[in-house]
């Protein structure tokens, strides 16, 4: 048999209910990591002002090619750039380049990358990557 308690104040009951039923990050307001890959090329991505945007792009650094940010919206800040191997670490093998952005305000604009060899100036990139980022205050 389950006993149901009666709450004398409805606001207290409502807050207690949400504290028990909502995930911890919803209650605490913890930031979420929103990850996009080449599969989202040309698409829209929406994040909150407390979220973190991580762009994961596959590269083959042994060929001299790498991803570079070409356009960063004024409401985003590049906070970290890193890479990690995919599978076995072999010379000329593939890796994933990671770009982490933190919003500094709300807005809508294009975030762009170019896959090229840095020393080949004036040449068009081998590939491009674009996502339209919308930052809103949830």
Protein backbone atom coordinates (compact mmCIF):
# COMPACT_ATOMS: atom_id res chain seq x y z
CA UNK A 1 0.00 0.00 0.00
CA UNK A 2 1.31 3.46 -0.94
CA UNK A 3 0.55 6.41 1.31
CA UNK A 4 0.03 9.79 -0.35
CA UNK A 5 0.98 12.84 1.66
CA UNK A 6 -1.01 16.02 1.37
CA UNK A 7 0.91 19.23 0.93
CA UNK A 8 -0.33 22.26 2.73
CA UNK A 9 1.24 24.66 0.23
CA UNK A 10 0.97 23.85 -3.46
CA UNK A 11 4.21 25.67 -4.42
CA UNK A 12 6.19 23.58 -1.93
CA UNK A 13 4.68 20.40 -3.35
CA UNK A 14 5.44 21.46 -6.91
CA UNK A 15 9.07 22.26 -6.12
CA UNK A 16 9.50 19.00 -4.25
CA UNK A 17 7.99 17.09 -7.20
CA UNK A 18 10.38 18.70 -9.73
CA UNK A 19 13.40 18.21 -7.47
CA UNK A 20 12.68 14.48 -7.38
CA UNK A 21 11.60 13.92 -11.00
CA UNK A 22 13.86 16.16 -13.11
CA UNK A 23 17.42 15.13 -14.07
CA UNK A 24 20.12 16.66 -11.89
CA UNK A 25 21.52 18.87 -14.66
CA UNK A 26 18.08 20.39 -15.25
CA UNK A 27 17.69 21.27 -11.60
CA UNK A 28 21.21 22.62 -11.13
CA UNK A 29 21.40 24.44 -14.49
CA UNK A 30 24.61 22.64 -15.43
CA UNK A 31 25.86 23.28 -18.98
CA UNK A 32 25.26 20.73 -21.71
CA UNK A 33 27.79 19.76 -24.36
CA UNK A 34 26.28 19.89 -27.84
CA UNK A 35 28.42 17.89 -30.28
CA UNK A 36 28.25 18.29 -34.06
CA UNK A 37 30.14 16.31 -36.70
CA UNK A 38 30.48 16.33 -40.47
CA UNK A 39 27.01 14.76 -40.60
CA UNK A 40 25.57 18.15 -39.57
CA UNK A 41 27.37 20.09 -42.32
CA UNK A 42 25.04 22.82 -43.62
CA UNK A 43 22.51 22.35 -40.83
CA UNK A 44 21.30 24.49 -37.93
CA UNK A 45 22.33 23.89 -34.34
CA UNK A 46 20.74 25.53 -31.33
CA UNK A 47 22.45 25.89 -27.96
CA UNK A 48 21.79 27.81 -24.78
CA UNK A 49 24.01 30.49 -23.32
CA UNK A 50 25.19 28.03 -20.64
CA UNK A 51 25.96 25.25 -23.14
CA UNK A 52 29.21 24.29 -24.83
CA UNK A 53 29.44 23.59 -28.59
CA UNK A 54 31.96 20.93 -29.67
CA UNK A 55 32.73 20.52 -33.37
CA UNK A 56 34.35 17.14 -34.25
CA UNK A 57 35.88 16.97 -37.73
CA UNK A 58 37.86 14.07 -39.18
CA UNK A 59 41.29 14.90 -40.63
CA UNK A 60 44.35 13.15 -41.97
CA UNK A 61 47.18 15.23 -40.53
CA UNK A 62 49.94 13.15 -42.15
CA UNK A 63 48.92 14.62 -45.51
CA UNK A 64 49.41 18.17 -44.24
CA UNK A 65 45.69 18.90 -44.29
CA UNK A 66 43.95 20.18 -41.19
CA UNK A 67 40.77 22.00 -40.29
CA UNK A 68 40.94 25.71 -39.53
CA UNK A 69 38.19 27.99 -38.29
CA UNK A 70 37.45 30.59 -40.99
CA UNK A 71 34.40 32.39 -39.53
CA UNK A 72 33.50 32.65 -35.84
CA UNK A 73 30.33 34.51 -34.88
CA UNK A 74 30.88 37.40 -32.48
CA UNK A 75 28.73 35.67 -29.84
CA UNK A 76 31.00 32.58 -29.68
CA UNK A 77 34.49 32.20 -28.23
CA UNK A 78 36.86 29.40 -29.25
CA UNK A 79 37.91 28.04 -25.87
CA UNK A 80 39.83 24.91 -26.86
CA UNK A 81 41.32 23.22 -29.89
CA UNK A 82 42.52 19.62 -29.67
CA UNK A 83 42.85 16.38 -31.62
CA UNK A 84 42.47 12.69 -30.88
CA UNK A 85 43.40 9.61 -32.89
CA UNK A 86 40.73 7.42 -34.45
CA UNK A 87 41.42 3.75 -33.91
CA UNK A 88 45.07 2.74 -34.16
CA UNK A 89 47.71 5.43 -34.02
CA UNK A 90 49.75 5.00 -37.20
CA UNK A 91 51.78 7.50 -39.23
CA UNK A 92 49.47 9.27 -41.66
CA UNK A 93 46.41 7.83 -39.91
CA UNK A 94 43.18 9.69 -39.37
CA UNK A 95 42.39 11.79 -36.36
CA UNK A 96 39.51 13.90 -35.13
CA UNK A 97 40.04 17.59 -34.61
CA UNK A 98 37.98 19.03 -31.78
CA UNK A 99 36.95 22.68 -31.54
CA UNK A 100 35.17 23.78 -28.36
CA UNK A 101 33.17 27.01 -28.35
CA UNK A 102 31.50 28.82 -25.47
CA UNK A 103 28.74 31.36 -26.06
CA UNK A 104 29.35 34.85 -24.69
CA UNK A 105 25.92 36.18 -25.71
CA UNK A 106 22.88 35.17 -27.75
CA UNK A 107 22.73 35.42 -31.54
CA UNK A 108 22.42 33.63 -34.91
CA UNK A 109 25.21 33.29 -37.44
CA UNK A 110 27.37 30.94 -39.50
CA UNK A 111 30.35 29.07 -38.04
CA UNK A 112 32.72 28.01 -40.83
CA UNK A 113 35.79 25.80 -41.25
CA UNK A 114 38.17 25.04 -44.14
CA UNK A 115 40.17 21.83 -44.66
CA UNK A 116 43.43 22.82 -46.28
CA UNK A 117 47.20 22.79 -46.12
CA UNK A 118 48.28 25.93 -44.25
CA UNK A 119 51.19 26.68 -46.61
CA UNK A 120 49.04 26.56 -49.76
CA UNK A 121 47.84 30.14 -49.63
CA UNK A 122 45.51 31.26 -52.37
CA UNK A 123 44.28 27.72 -53.04
CA UNK A 124 40.64 26.80 -52.42
CA UNK A 125 40.09 24.43 -49.48
CA UNK A 126 39.75 20.71 -50.19
CA UNK A 127 36.57 20.69 -48.07
CA UNK A 128 34.47 23.14 -46.10
CA UNK A 129 32.21 22.77 -43.09
CA UNK A 130 29.45 25.17 -42.04
CA UNK A 131 26.80 25.17 -39.34
CA UNK A 132 24.37 27.93 -38.51
CA UNK A 133 24.59 28.43 -34.76
CA UNK A 134 21.73 29.91 -32.75
CA UNK A 135 22.41 30.79 -29.13
CA UNK A 136 19.41 31.57 -26.98
CA UNK A 137 18.71 32.10 -23.32
CA UNK A 138 16.65 29.01 -22.48
